[in-house]
PDB file of N, CA and C in Angstrom:
ATOM      1  N   MET A   1      83.859  60.870-197.757  1.00  0.00           N
ATOM      2  CA  MET A   1      83.078  60.474-199.205  1.00  0.00           C
ATOM      3  C   MET A   1      84.126  60.537-200.090  1.00  0.00           C
ATOM      4  N   ARG A   2      84.775  58.978-200.500  1.00  0.00           N
ATOM      5  CA  ARG A   2      85.260  59.233-202.037  1.00  0.00           C
ATOM      6  C   ARG A   2      84.799  58.152-203.130  1.00  0.00           C
ATOM      7  N   VAL A   3      84.477  58.911-204.496  1.00  0.00           N
ATOM      8  CA  VAL A   3      84.040  58.381-205.156  1.00  0.00           C
ATOM      9  C   VAL A   3      85.026  57.992-206.641  1.00  0.00           C
ATOM     10  N   ARG A   4      85.173  56.497-207.092  1.00  0.00           N
ATOM     11  CA  ARG A   4      85.903  57.051-208.808  1.00  0.00           C
ATOM     12  C   ARG A   4      84.850  57.355-210.054  1.00  0.00           C
ATOM     13  N   CYS A   5      85.150  58.030-210.367  1.00  0.00           N
ATOM     14  CA  CYS A   5      84.434  58.062-212.372  1.00  0.00           C
ATOM     15  C   CYS A   5      84.717  57.139-212.882  1.00  0.00           C
ATOM     16  N   LEU A   6      83.309  57.249-213.302  1.00  0.00           N
ATOM     17  CA  LEU A   6      82.841  55.131-214.136  1.00  0.00           C
ATOM     18  C   LEU A   6      82.636  55.696-215.484  1.00  0.00           C
ATOM     19  N   GLU A   7      82.479  56.899-215.443  1.00  0.00           N
ATOM     20  CA  GLU A   7      81.908  57.342-216.984  1.00  0.00           C
ATOM     21  C   GLU A   7      82.004  58.849-216.409  1.00  0.00           C
ATOM     22  N   ILE A   8      82.347  59.779-217.518  1.00  0.00           N
ATOM     23  CA  ILE A   8      81.978  61.115-218.107  1.00  0.00           C
ATOM     24  C   ILE A   8      81.359  61.315-219.458  1.00  0.00           C
ATOM     25  N   ILE A   9      79.892  61.756-219.228  1.00  0.00           N
ATOM     26  CA  ILE A   9      78.873  61.798-220.556  1.00  0.00           C
ATOM     27  C   ILE A   9      79.366  63.547-220.468  1.00  0.00           C
ATOM     28  N   HIS A  10      80.047  64.101-221.384  1.00  0.00           N
ATOM     29  CA  HIS A  10      80.320  65.374-221.777  1.00  0.00           C
ATOM     30  C   HIS A  10      78.482  66.279-221.400  1.00  0.00           C
ATOM     31  N   PRO A  11      78.990  67.517-221.189  1.00  0.00           N
ATOM     32  CA  PRO A  11      76.849  68.058-220.231  1.00  0.00           C
ATOM     33  C   PRO A  11      77.321  68.408-221.446  1.00  0.00           C
ATOM     34  N   ASP A  12      77.565  69.208-222.356  1.00  0.00           N
ATOM     35  CA  ASP A  12      77.442  69.689-223.992  1.00  0.00           C
ATOM     36  C   ASP A  12      76.959  68.789-225.159  1.00  0.00           C
ATOM     37  N   GLY A  13      76.628  67.850-224.190  1.00  0.00           N
ATOM     38  CA  GLY A  13      76.466  66.975-225.578  1.00  0.00           C
ATOM     39  C   GLY A  13      75.870  65.583-225.832  1.00  0.00           C
ATOM     40  N   ASP A  14      76.152  65.071-224.422  1.00  0.00           N
ATOM     41  CA  ASP A  14      75.856  63.082-224.382  1.00  0.00           C
ATOM     42  C   ASP A  14      76.527  62.317-225.333  1.00  0.00           C
ATOM     43  N   TYR A  15      78.039  62.630-225.036  1.00  0.00           N
ATOM     44  CA  TYR A  15      78.804  61.593-225.569  1.00  0.00           C
ATOM     45  C   TYR A  15      79.835  61.440-224.432  1.00  0.00           C
ATOM     46  N   PRO A  16      80.491  59.876-224.387  1.00  0.00           N
ATOM     47  CA  PRO A  16      81.180  59.996-223.294  1.00  0.00           C
ATOM     48  C   PRO A  16      83.062  60.792-223.771  1.00  0.00           C
ATOM     49  N   VAL A  17      83.423  61.024-222.720  1.00  0.00           N
ATOM     50  CA  VAL A  17      84.955  61.560-222.709  1.00  0.00           C
ATOM     51  C   VAL A  17      85.247  61.034-221.905  1.00  0.00           C
ATOM     52  N   ALA A  18      86.457  60.697-222.191  1.00  0.00           N
ATOM     53  CA  ALA A  18      87.884  60.223-221.285  1.00  0.00           C
ATOM     54  C   ALA A  18      88.110  60.940-219.425  1.00  0.00           C
ATOM     55  N   GLU A  19      87.474  62.671-219.590  1.00  0.00           N
ATOM     56  CA  GLU A  19      88.067  63.396-219.086  1.00  0.00           C
ATOM     57  C   GLU A  19      87.343  65.017-218.891  1.00  0.00           C
ATOM     58  N   TYR A  20      86.598  65.778-217.946  1.00  0.00           N
ATOM     59  CA  TYR A  20      86.688  66.874-218.878  1.00  0.00           C
ATOM     60  C   TYR A  20      86.706  67.410-217.601  1.00  0.00           C
ATOM     61  N   ASP A  21      87.247  68.864-217.019  1.00  0.00           N
ATOM     62  CA  ASP A  21      87.163  70.150-216.406  1.00  0.00           C
ATOM     63  C   ASP A  21      88.039  69.147-215.093  1.00  0.00           C
ATOM     64  N   GLY A  22      88.789  68.153-215.132  1.00  0.00           N
ATOM     65  CA  GLY A  22      89.696  68.007-213.833  1.00  0.00           C
ATOM     66  C   GLY A  22      89.380  66.977-213.467  1.00  0.00           C
ATOM     67  N   ILE A  23      87.908  66.495-213.828  1.00  0.00           N
ATOM     68  CA  ILE A  23      88.056  65.082-213.423  1.00  0.00           C
ATOM     69  C   ILE A  23      88.095  63.489-214.462  1.00  0.00           C
ATOM     70  N   ARG A  24      88.842  62.756-214.258  1.00  0.00           N
ATOM     71  CA  ARG A  24      88.911  61.820-215.736  1.00  0.00           C
ATOM     72  C   ARG A  24      88.166  60.654-215.015  1.00  0.00           C
ATOM     73  N   VAL A  25      87.484  58.990-216.371  1.00  0.00           N
ATOM     74  CA  VAL A  25      87.612  58.231-216.082  1.00  0.00           C
ATOM     75  C   VAL A  25      88.286  57.328-215.138  1.00  0.00           C
ATOM     76  N   GLY A  26      88.392  56.646-213.947  1.00  0.00           N
ATOM     77  CA  GLY A  26      89.064  56.232-213.455  1.00  0.00           C
ATOM     78  C   GLY A  26      89.611  56.927-212.097  1.00  0.00           C
ATOM     79  N   GLY A  27      89.587  57.615-212.221  1.00  0.00           N
ATOM     80  CA  GLY A  27      90.367  58.679-210.804  1.00  0.00           C
ATOM     81  C   GLY A  27      88.931  58.407-209.918  1.00  0.00           C
ATOM     82  N   VAL A  28      89.796  59.088-208.496  1.00  0.00           N
ATOM     83  CA  VAL A  28      88.780  58.386-207.329  1.00  0.00           C
ATOM     84  C   VAL A  28      89.292  60.356-206.932  1.00  0.00           C
ATOM     85  N   TYR A  29      88.179  60.753-205.932  1.00  0.00           N
ATOM     86  CA  TYR A  29      87.977  62.390-206.045  1.00  0.00           C
ATOM     87  C   TYR A  29      86.504  62.456-204.816  1.00  0.00           C
ATOM     88  N   PRO A  30      86.954  63.586-204.245  1.00  0.00           N
ATOM     89  CA  PRO A  30      86.483  63.652-202.222  1.00  0.00           C
ATOM     90  C   PRO A  30      84.576  64.405-203.198  1.00  0.00           C
ATOM     91  N   VAL A  31      83.810  63.797-201.893  1.00  0.00           N
ATOM     92  CA  VAL A  31      83.005  64.288-202.290  1.00  0.00           C
ATOM     93  C   VAL A  31      82.328  65.417-201.571  1.00  0.00           C
ATOM     94  N   LEU A  32      81.922  67.057-202.653  1.00  0.00           N
ATOM     95  CA  LEU A  32      82.159  68.121-200.884  1.00  0.00           C
ATOM     96  C   LEU A  32      80.305  67.719-200.437  1.00  0.00           C
ATOM     97  N   GLU A  33      79.371  67.272-201.850  1.00  0.00           N
ATOM     98  CA  GLU A  33      77.893  67.658-201.187  1.00  0.00           C
ATOM     99  C   GLU A  33      77.145  66.324-201.943  1.00  0.00           C
ATOM    100  N   MET A  34      76.753  66.185-200.810  1.00  0.00           N
ATOM    101  CA  MET A  34      75.274  66.062-202.329  1.00  0.00           C
ATOM    102  C   MET A  34      74.371  66.489-201.522  1.00  0.00           C
ATOM    103  N   VAL A  35      73.186  66.515-203.159  1.00  0.00           N
ATOM    104  CA  VAL A  35      72.047  67.367-203.631  1.00  0.00           C
ATOM    105  C   VAL A  35      70.934  66.344-203.727  1.00  0.00           C
ATOM    106  N   ALA A  36      69.571  66.423-203.446  1.00  0.00           N
ATOM    107  CA  ALA A  36      68.587  65.700-203.769  1.00  0.00           C
ATOM    108  C   ALA A  36      67.245  66.941-203.753  1.00  0.00           C
ATOM    109  N   TYR A  37      66.657  66.698-205.317  1.00  0.00           N
ATOM    110  CA  TYR A  37      65.831  67.807-205.127  1.00  0.00           C
ATOM    111  C   TYR A  37      64.727  66.461-205.775  1.00  0.00           C
ATOM    112  N   ASP A  38      63.919  66.483-206.092  1.00  0.00           N
ATOM    113  CA  ASP A  38      62.639  65.225-206.525  1.00  0.00           C
ATOM    114  C   ASP A  38      62.900  64.179-206.198  1.00  0.00           C
ATOM    115  N   ILE A  39      63.036  63.573-207.580  1.00  0.00           N
ATOM    116  CA  ILE A  39      63.638  63.153-207.975  1.00  0.00           C
ATOM    117  C   ILE A  39      65.278  62.174-208.389  1.00  0.00           C
ATOM    118  N   ASP A  40      65.818  63.588-208.812  1.00  0.00           N
ATOM    119  CA  ASP A  40      67.207  63.880-209.074  1.00  0.00           C
ATOM    120  C   ASP A  40      68.339  64.189-208.057  1.00  0.00           C
ATOM    121  N   CYS A  41      69.639  63.535-208.760  1.00  0.00           N
ATOM    122  CA  CYS A  41      70.293  63.359-207.708  1.00  0.00           C
ATOM    123  C   CYS A  41      71.410  63.563-208.117  1.00  0.00           C
ATOM    124  N   GLN A  42      71.981  64.529-206.884  1.00  0.00           N
ATOM    125  CA  GLN A  42      73.074  65.010-207.420  1.00  0.00           C
ATOM    126  C   GLN A  42      74.947  65.120-206.897  1.00  0.00           C
ATOM    127  N   ILE A  43      75.830  64.750-207.174  1.00  0.00           N
ATOM    128  CA  ILE A  43      77.100  65.292-205.827  1.00  0.00           C
ATOM    129  C   ILE A  43      77.744  66.529-206.660  1.00  0.00           C
ATOM    130  N   ARG A  44      78.839  67.039-205.702  1.00  0.00           N
ATOM    131  CA  ARG A  44      79.655  67.945-206.320  1.00  0.00           C
ATOM    132  C   ARG A  44      81.330  67.531-205.836  1.00  0.00           C
ATOM    133  N   VAL A  45      82.231  66.812-206.618  1.00  0.00           N
ATOM    134  CA  VAL A  45      82.754  66.220-206.967  1.00  0.00           C
ATOM    135  C   VAL A  45      84.134  67.391-207.334  1.00  0.00           C
ATOM    136  N   LEU A  46      85.496  67.242-206.767  1.00  0.00           N
ATOM    137  CA  LEU A  46      86.192  68.272-206.800  1.00  0.00           C
ATOM    138  C   LEU A  46      87.708  67.541-206.401  1.00  0.00           C
ATOM    139  N   GLY A  47      88.401  67.091-208.217  1.00  0.00           N
ATOM    140  CA  GLY A  47      89.704  67.611-208.983  1.00  0.00           C
ATOM    141  C   GLY A  47      90.748  68.069-208.727  1.00  0.00           C
ATOM    142  N   PRO A  48      91.666  67.286-208.353  1.00  0.00           N
ATOM    143  CA  PRO A  48      93.228  68.634-208.092  1.00  0.00           C
ATOM    144  C   PRO A  48      93.370  69.439-209.068  1.00  0.00           C
ATOM    145  N   ASP A  49      92.864  69.592-210.488  1.00  0.00           N
ATOM    146  CA  ASP A  49      92.729  70.673-211.476  1.00  0.00           C
ATOM    147  C   ASP A  49      91.435  70.950-211.981  1.00  0.00           C
ATOM    148  N   THR A  50      90.327  70.435-210.559  1.00  0.00           N
ATOM    149  CA  THR A  50      89.053  70.958-211.183  1.00  0.00           C
ATOM    150  C   THR A  50      88.510  73.106-210.485  1.00  0.00           C
ATOM    151  N   PRO A  51      88.403  73.276-211.295  1.00  0.00           N
ATOM    152  CA  PRO A  51      87.805  74.769-211.512  1.00  0.00           C
ATOM    153  C   PRO A  51      86.641  74.816-209.915  1.00  0.00           C
ATOM    154  N   ASP A  52      87.318  75.421-209.064  1.00  0.00           N
ATOM    155  CA  ASP A  52      85.778  75.830-207.574  1.00  0.00           C
ATOM    156  C   ASP A  52      84.756  76.361-207.936  1.00  0.00           C
ATOM    157  N   PRO A  53      83.638  76.093-207.843  1.00  0.00           N
ATOM    158  CA  PRO A  53      83.344  75.046-206.850  1.00  0.00           C
ATOM    159  C   PRO A  53      83.390  73.373-206.806  1.00  0.00           C
ATOM    160  N   GLY A  54      83.825  73.475-207.927  1.00  0.00           N
ATOM    161  CA  GLY A  54      83.855  71.834-207.922  1.00  0.00           C
ATOM    162  C   GLY A  54      82.589  71.638-209.149  1.00  0.00           C
ATOM    163  N   LEU A  55      82.379  70.782-209.304  1.00  0.00           N
ATOM    164  CA  LEU A  55      81.249  70.126-210.699  1.00  0.00           C
ATOM    165  C   LEU A  55      80.359  69.299-210.023  1.00  0.00           C
ATOM    166  N   LEU A  56      78.341  69.449-210.075  1.00  0.00           N
ATOM    167  CA  LEU A  56      77.999  68.688-209.528  1.00  0.00           C
ATOM    168  C   LEU A  56      78.162  67.513-211.167  1.00  0.00           C
ATOM    169  N   TRP A  57      77.542  66.389-210.345  1.00  0.00           N
ATOM    170  CA  TRP A  57      77.616  65.155-211.077  1.00  0.00           C
ATOM    171  C   TRP A  57      76.791  64.563-211.402  1.00  0.00           C
ATOM    172  N   ASP A  58      75.961  63.532-211.907  1.00  0.00           N
ATOM    173  CA  ASP A  58      75.084  62.186-211.909  1.00  0.00           C
ATOM    174  C   ASP A  58      75.233  61.436-211.261  1.00  0.00           C
ATOM    175  N   PRO A  59      75.708  60.739-209.928  1.00  0.00           N
ATOM    176  CA  PRO A  59      75.649  59.941-208.787  1.00  0.00           C
ATOM    177  C   PRO A  59      75.576  58.040-210.176  1.00  0.00           C
ATOM    178  N   ILE A  60      75.561  58.264-210.519  1.00  0.00           N
ATOM    179  CA  ILE A  60      75.648  57.365-211.533  1.00  0.00           C
ATOM    180  C   ILE A  60      76.314  56.731-212.112  1.00  0.00           C
ATOM    181  N   ASN A  61      77.653  57.527-212.545  1.00  0.00           N
ATOM    182  CA  ASN A  61      78.365  57.578-213.225  1.00  0.00           C
ATOM    183  C   ASN A  61      80.242  57.530-212.777  1.00  0.00           C
ATOM    184  N   PHE A  62      79.454  57.039-210.752  1.00  0.00           N
ATOM    185  CA  PHE A  62      80.604  56.679-209.894  1.00  0.00           C
ATOM    186  C   PHE A  62      80.185  55.864-209.587  1.00  0.00           C
ATOM    187  N   GLU A  63      81.222  55.034-208.918  1.00  0.00           N
ATOM    188  CA  GLU A  63      81.055  54.537-207.603  1.00  0.00           C
ATOM    189  C   GLU A  63      81.830  54.778-205.945  1.00  0.00           C
ATOM    190  N   THR A  64      81.169  54.993-204.754  1.00  0.00           N
ATOM    191  CA  THR A  64      81.826  54.837-203.900  1.00  0.00           C
ATOM    192  C   THR A  64      83.373  53.993-203.832  1.00  0.00           C
ATOM    193  N   VAL A  65      83.767  54.436-203.135  1.00  0.00           N
ATOM    194  CA  VAL A  65      85.164  53.757-202.519  1.00  0.00           C
ATOM    195  C   VAL A  65      85.432  54.088-201.745  1.00  0.00           C
ATOM    196  N   ASP A  66      84.835  55.202-200.654  1.00  0.00           N
ATOM    197  CA  ASP A  66      85.474  55.672-199.114  1.00  0.00           C
ATOM    198  C   ASP A  66      82.926  56.460-198.809  1.00  0.00           C
ATOM    199  N   THR A  67      83.229  55.118-197.339  1.00  0.00           N
ATOM    200  CA  THR A  67      81.748  55.293-197.163  1.00  0.00           C
ATOM    201  C   THR A  67      82.080  56.263-195.960  1.00  0.00           C
ATOM    202  N   ARG A  68      82.556  56.817-195.755  1.00  0.00           N
ATOM    203  CA  ARG A  68      83.317  57.605-194.160  1.00  0.00           C
ATOM    204  C   ARG A  68      82.439  58.952-194.856  1.00  0.00           C
ATOM    205  N   ILE A  69      81.627  59.266-193.837  1.00  0.00           N
ATOM    206  CA  ILE A  69      80.677  60.588-193.971  1.00  0.00           C
ATOM    207  C   ILE A  69      82.352  61.855-192.833  1.00  0.00           C
ATOM    208  N   PRO A  70      82.945  63.193-193.590  1.00  0.00           N
ATOM    209  CA  PRO A  70      83.529  63.716-193.278  1.00  0.00           C
ATOM    210  C   PRO A  70      83.358  63.861-191.673  1.00  0.00           C
ATOM    211  N   PRO A  71      83.851  64.050-191.245  1.00  0.00           N
ATOM    212  CA  PRO A  71      83.482  65.246-189.192  1.00  0.00           C
ATOM    213  C   PRO A  71      82.763  66.761-189.620  1.00  0.00           C
ATOM    214  N   GLY A  72      81.097  66.470-189.356  1.00  0.00           N
ATOM    215  CA  GLY A  72      81.090  68.132-189.190  1.00  0.00           C
ATOM    216  C   GLY A  72      79.978  67.495-190.215  1.00  0.00           C
ATOM    217  N   TRP A  73      79.790  66.897-191.251  1.00  0.00           N
ATOM    218  CA  TRP A  73      78.512  67.142-192.400  1.00  0.00           C
ATOM    219  C   TRP A  73      77.084  67.186-191.763  1.00  0.00           C
ATOM    220  N   THR A  74      76.453  67.389-192.249  1.00  0.00           N
ATOM    221  CA  THR A  74      74.878  67.822-191.435  1.00  0.00           C
ATOM    222  C   THR A  74      74.111  67.541-192.607  1.00  0.00           C
ATOM    223  N   LEU A  75      73.182  66.981-192.331  1.00  0.00           N
ATOM    224  CA  LEU A  75      71.811  66.844-193.696  1.00  0.00           C
ATOM    225  C   LEU A  75      70.838  67.309-192.974  1.00  0.00           C
ATOM    226  N   THR A  76      69.822  68.509-194.606  1.00  0.00           N
ATOM    227  CA  THR A  76      68.526  69.385-194.320  1.00  0.00           C
ATOM    228  C   THR A  76      68.887  69.299-195.357  1.00  0.00           C
ATOM    229  N   ILE A  77      67.751  68.789-194.809  1.00  0.00           N
ATOM    230  CA  ILE A  77      65.653  68.887-195.772  1.00  0.00           C
ATOM    231  C   ILE A  77      64.620  70.684-195.783  1.00  0.00           C
ATOM    232  N   ALA A  78      65.089  71.307-196.860  1.00  0.00           N
ATOM    233  CA  ALA A  78      64.244  72.882-197.405  1.00  0.00           C
ATOM    234  C   ALA A  78      64.391  73.068-198.206  1.00  0.00           C
ATOM    235  N   ASP A  79      63.397  73.691-198.572  1.00  0.00           N
ATOM    236  CA  ASP A  79      63.153  74.228-200.406  1.00  0.00           C
ATOM    237  C   ASP A  79      63.234  73.647-200.822  1.00  0.00           C
ATOM    238  N   GLY A  80      62.487  72.211-200.587  1.00  0.00           N
ATOM    239  CA  GLY A  80      62.462  70.177-201.497  1.00  0.00           C
ATOM    240  C   GLY A  80      63.594  70.275-201.513  1.00  0.00           C
ATOM    241  N   ARG A  81      64.197  70.509-200.779  1.00  0.00           N
ATOM    242  CA  ARG A  81      66.135  69.631-201.291  1.00  0.00           C
ATOM    243  C   ARG A  81      66.804  68.779-200.419  1.00  0.00           C
ATOM    244  N   THR A  82      67.252  68.051-200.099  1.00  0.00           N
ATOM    245  CA  THR A  82      67.406  67.460-198.998  1.00  0.00           C
ATOM    246  C   THR A  82      69.505  67.243-199.130  1.00  0.00           C
ATOM    247  N   ARG A  83      70.202  67.287-198.290  1.00  0.00           N
ATOM    248  CA  ARG A  83      72.384  67.764-198.900  1.00  0.00           C
ATOM    249  C   ARG A  83      72.142  67.493-198.233  1.00  0.00           C
ATOM    250  N   LEU A  84      73.787  66.175-198.287  1.00  0.00           N
ATOM    251  CA  LEU A  84      74.254  66.385-196.948  1.00  0.00           C
ATOM    252  C   LEU A  84      75.890  67.163-197.844  1.00  0.00           C
ATOM    253  N   ALA A  85      76.458  67.639-196.310  1.00  0.00           N
ATOM    254  CA  ALA A  85      77.022  68.478-197.333  1.00  0.00           C
ATOM    255  C   ALA A  85      78.615  68.953-195.499  1.00  0.00           C
ATOM    256  N   ASP A  86      78.696  69.380-195.426  1.00  0.00           N
ATOM    257  CA  ASP A  86      79.502  70.156-194.255  1.00  0.00           C
ATOM    258  C   ASP A  86      78.565  71.617-193.294  1.00  0.00           C
ATOM    259  N   ALA A  87      78.598  71.385-192.107  1.00  0.00           N
ATOM    260  CA  ALA A  87      77.613  72.134-191.494  1.00  0.00           C
ATOM    261  C   ALA A  87      77.771  73.820-192.457  1.00  0.00           C
ATOM    262  N   ARG A  88      79.211  74.153-191.864  1.00  0.00           N
ATOM    263  CA  ARG A  88      79.263  75.491-192.874  1.00  0.00           C
ATOM    264  C   ARG A  88      78.678  76.001-194.050  1.00  0.00           C
ATOM    265  N   TRP A  89      78.447  74.958-194.776  1.00  0.00           N
ATOM    266  CA  TRP A  89      77.896  75.398-196.647  1.00  0.00           C
ATOM    267  C   TRP A  89      76.324  75.329-195.910  1.00  0.00           C
ATOM    268  N   GLN A  90      75.860  74.877-194.759  1.00  0.00           N
ATOM    269  CA  GLN A  90      74.066  74.311-195.096  1.00  0.00           C
ATOM    270  C   GLN A  90      73.621  75.304-194.637  1.00  0.00           C
ATOM    271  N   ARG A  91      73.837  76.543-193.605  1.00  0.00           N
ATOM    272  CA  ARG A  91      73.222  78.166-194.481  1.00  0.00           C
ATOM    273  C   ARG A  91      72.345  78.304-195.200  1.00  0.00           C
ATOM    274  N   PRO A  92      71.087  78.764-194.936  1.00  0.00           N
ATOM    275  CA  PRO A  92      70.518  79.337-195.735  1.00  0.00           C
ATOM    276  C   PRO A  92      71.362  80.217-197.053  1.00  0.00           C
ATOM    277  N   GLY A  93      71.716  80.673-198.377  1.00  0.00           N
ATOM    278  CA  GLY A  93      72.038  81.384-199.229  1.00  0.00           C
ATOM    279  C   GLY A  93      73.641  80.940-199.246  1.00  0.00           C
ATOM    280  N   PHE A  94      73.729  80.450-198.880  1.00  0.00           N
ATOM    281  CA  PHE A  94      75.139  79.870-198.778  1.00  0.00           C
ATOM    282  C   PHE A  94      76.233  79.879-200.320  1.00  0.00           C
ATOM    283  N   TRP A  95      75.155  79.329-201.206  1.00  0.00           N
ATOM    284  CA  TRP A  95      75.830  79.333-202.208  1.00  0.00           C
ATOM    285  C   TRP A  95      75.931  80.963-203.348  1.00  0.00           C
ATOM    286  N   THR A  96      75.118  81.153-203.185  1.00  0.00           N
ATOM    287  CA  THR A  96      74.642  82.737-203.809  1.00  0.00           C
ATOM    288  C   THR A  96      75.136  83.786-203.100  1.00  0.00           C
ATOM    289  N   ASP A  97      75.724  83.443-201.617  1.00  0.00           N
ATOM    290  CA  ASP A  97      76.906  84.718-201.024  1.00  0.00           C
ATOM    291  C   ASP A  97      78.587  84.396-201.574  1.00  0.00           C
ATOM    292  N   TYR A  98      78.271  83.043-201.310  1.00  0.00           N
ATOM    293  CA  TYR A  98      79.752  82.570-202.211  1.00  0.00           C
ATOM    294  C   TYR A  98      80.055  82.937-203.807  1.00  0.00           C
ATOM    295  N   HIS A  99      79.479  83.001-205.157  1.00  0.00           N
ATOM    296  CA  HIS A  99      79.207  83.501-205.988  1.00  0.00           C
ATOM    297  C   HIS A  99      79.225  84.828-206.134  1.00  0.00           C
ATOM    298  N   HIS A 100      78.674  85.344-205.376  1.00  0.00           N
ATOM    299  CA  HIS A 100      79.029  87.213-205.002  1.00  0.00           C
ATOM    300  C   HIS A 100      79.906  87.139-204.513  1.00  0.00           C
ATOM    301  N   GLY A 101      81.126  86.681-204.165  1.00  0.00           N
ATOM    302  CA  GLY A 101      82.131  86.978-203.586  1.00  0.00           C
ATOM    303  C   GLY A 101      82.070  87.637-202.119  1.00  0.00           C
ATOM    304  N   ASP A 102      81.613  86.324-201.200  1.00  0.00           N
ATOM    305  CA  ASP A 102      81.105  87.082-200.165  1.00  0.00           C
ATOM    306  C   ASP A 102      82.169  86.650-199.009  1.00  0.00           C
ATOM    307  N   PRO A 103      82.916  87.346-198.839  1.00  0.00           N
ATOM    308  CA  PRO A 103      84.112  86.892-197.438  1.00  0.00           C
ATOM    309  C   PRO A 103      84.183  86.000-196.518  1.00  0.00           C
ATOM    310  N   GLN A 104      82.693  85.848-196.074  1.00  0.00           N
ATOM    311  CA  GLN A 104      82.725  84.061-194.790  1.00  0.00           C
ATOM    312  C   GLN A 104      82.461  83.003-195.724  1.00  0.00           C
ATOM    313  N   ALA A 105      81.440  83.547-197.149  1.00  0.00           N
ATOM    314  CA  ALA A 105      81.847  81.981-197.697  1.00  0.00           C
ATOM    315  C   ALA A 105      82.667  81.363-198.548  1.00  0.00           C
ATOM    316  N   LEU A 106      84.227  82.242-199.119  1.00  0.00           N
ATOM    317  CA  LEU A 106      84.922  82.170-199.527  1.00  0.00           C
ATOM    318  C   LEU A 106      85.537  81.500-199.037  1.00  0.00           C
ATOM    319  N   ALA A 107      85.448  81.790-197.567  1.00  0.00           N
ATOM    320  CA  ALA A 107      86.823  81.535-196.851  1.00  0.00           C
ATOM    321  C   ALA A 107      85.914  80.467-195.643  1.00  0.00           C
ATOM    322  N   ASP A 108      85.054  79.831-195.994  1.00  0.00           N
ATOM    323  CA  ASP A 108      84.113  78.742-195.622  1.00  0.00           C
ATOM    324  C   ASP A 108      84.165  77.325-196.430  1.00  0.00           C
ATOM    325  N   TYR A 109      84.236  77.875-197.931  1.00  0.00           N
ATOM    326  CA  TYR A 109      83.829  76.658-198.646  1.00  0.00           C
ATOM    327  C   TYR A 109      85.652  76.207-198.822  1.00  0.00           C
ATOM    328  N   ASP A 110      86.843  77.116-198.551  1.00  0.00           N
ATOM    329  CA  ASP A 110      88.028  77.436-198.281  1.00  0.00           C
ATOM    330  C   ASP A 110      88.893  76.292-197.645  1.00  0.00           C
ATOM    331  N   GLN A 111      87.811  76.363-197.030  1.00  0.00           N
ATOM    332  CA  GLN A 111      88.487  75.417-195.109  1.00  0.00           C
ATOM    333  C   GLN A 111      87.561  74.473-195.353  1.00  0.00           C
ATOM    334  N   VAL A 112      86.774  74.095-196.210  1.00  0.00           N
ATOM    335  CA  VAL A 112      86.173  72.957-196.283  1.00  0.00           C
ATOM    336  C   VAL A 112      87.190  72.229-197.158  1.00  0.00           C
ATOM    337  N   LYS A 113      87.135  72.344-198.037  1.00  0.00           N
ATOM    338  CA  LYS A 113      87.640  72.205-199.522  1.00  0.00           C
ATOM    339  C   LYS A 113      89.554  71.923-199.397  1.00  0.00           C
ATOM    340  N   SER A 114      89.815  72.621-198.061  1.00  0.00           N
ATOM    341  CA  SER A 114      91.359  72.120-198.436  1.00  0.00           C
ATOM    342  C   SER A 114      91.114  70.722-196.764  1.00  0.00           C
ATOM    343  N   GLU A 115      90.606  70.286-196.207  1.00  0.00           N
ATOM    344  CA  GLU A 115      89.694  69.715-195.188  1.00  0.00           C
ATOM    345  C   GLU A 115      89.503  68.012-196.114  1.00  0.00           C
ATOM    346  N   LEU A 116      88.879  68.546-197.073  1.00  0.00           N
ATOM    347  CA  LEU A 116      88.313  66.984-197.836  1.00  0.00           C
ATOM    348  C   LEU A 116      89.935  66.699-198.742  1.00  0.00           C
ATOM    349  N   LEU A 117      89.870  67.819-198.965  1.00  0.00           N
ATOM    350  CA  LEU A 117      91.376  67.260-200.152  1.00  0.00           C
ATOM    351  C   LEU A 117      92.662  66.900-199.509  1.00  0.00           C
ATOM    352  N   ALA A 118      93.194  67.243-198.158  1.00  0.00           N
ATOM    353  CA  ALA A 118      94.010  67.151-196.972  1.00  0.00           C
ATOM    354  C   ALA A 118      93.550  65.509-196.130  1.00  0.00           C
ATOM    355  N   ALA A 119      92.546  64.709-196.844  1.00  0.00           N
ATOM    356  CA  ALA A 119      91.946  63.771-195.941  1.00  0.00           C
ATOM    357  C   ALA A 119      92.550  62.540-196.793  1.00  0.00           C
ATOM    358  N   ALA A 120      92.830  61.724-195.200  1.00  0.00           N
ATOM    359  CA  ALA A 120      93.760  60.580-195.642  1.00  0.00           C
ATOM    360  C   ALA A 120      92.660  59.716-196.522  1.00  0.00           C
ATOM    361  N   PRO A 121      92.759  59.478-198.052  1.00  0.00           N
ATOM    362  CA  PRO A 121      92.393  58.097-198.669  1.00  0.00           C
ATOM    363  C   PRO A 121      92.123  57.009-198.669  1.00  0.00           C
ATOM    364  N   PRO A 122      91.192  56.543-198.334  1.00  0.00           N
ATOM    365  CA  PRO A 122      90.755  55.204-197.792  1.00  0.00           C
ATOM    366  C   PRO A 122      91.609  53.701-197.781  1.00  0.00           C
ATOM    367  N   PRO A 123      92.397  53.051-196.770  1.00  0.00           N
ATOM    368  CA  PRO A 123      93.285  51.943-197.210  1.00  0.00           C
ATOM    369  C   PRO A 123      93.270  51.377-198.517  1.00  0.00           C
ATOM    370  N   ASP A 124      94.003  50.435-198.573  1.00  0.00           N
ATOM    371  CA  ASP A 124      93.744  49.338-199.743  1.00  0.00           C
ATOM    372  C   ASP A 124      93.241  48.602-199.653  1.00  0.00           C
ATOM    373  N   ASN A 125      92.213  47.686-199.767  1.00  0.00           N
ATOM    374  CA  ASN A 125      92.203  46.217-199.222  1.00  0.00           C
ATOM    375  C   ASN A 125      93.450  44.780-200.156  1.00  0.00           C
TER     376      ASN A 125
END
């Protein structure tokens, strides 16, 4: 799945900016995961210059340009959250392990990231 950025609201000040942490208005980016909790929904988007592990954004600021769900993605519902992401990231504690430098979590992240960035963009209409 790929999205185009329509607007960026700076997270520290509630004002629009043209770019932030490697994401630019008008740019097209792969979605790394979608997380919904209660009435809140966020997408993790990764640009070529975005620091790992990408940033969580409000999807209201994006539009879908490629609806294809990557192979290996699963939908899970647990602990009040609904997550759509690669199955390798769906195990309990994945993000905690990633942030603590667990070698398997880091390897899983890097592999999924590489696959998503290497995926061909959608054909032009």
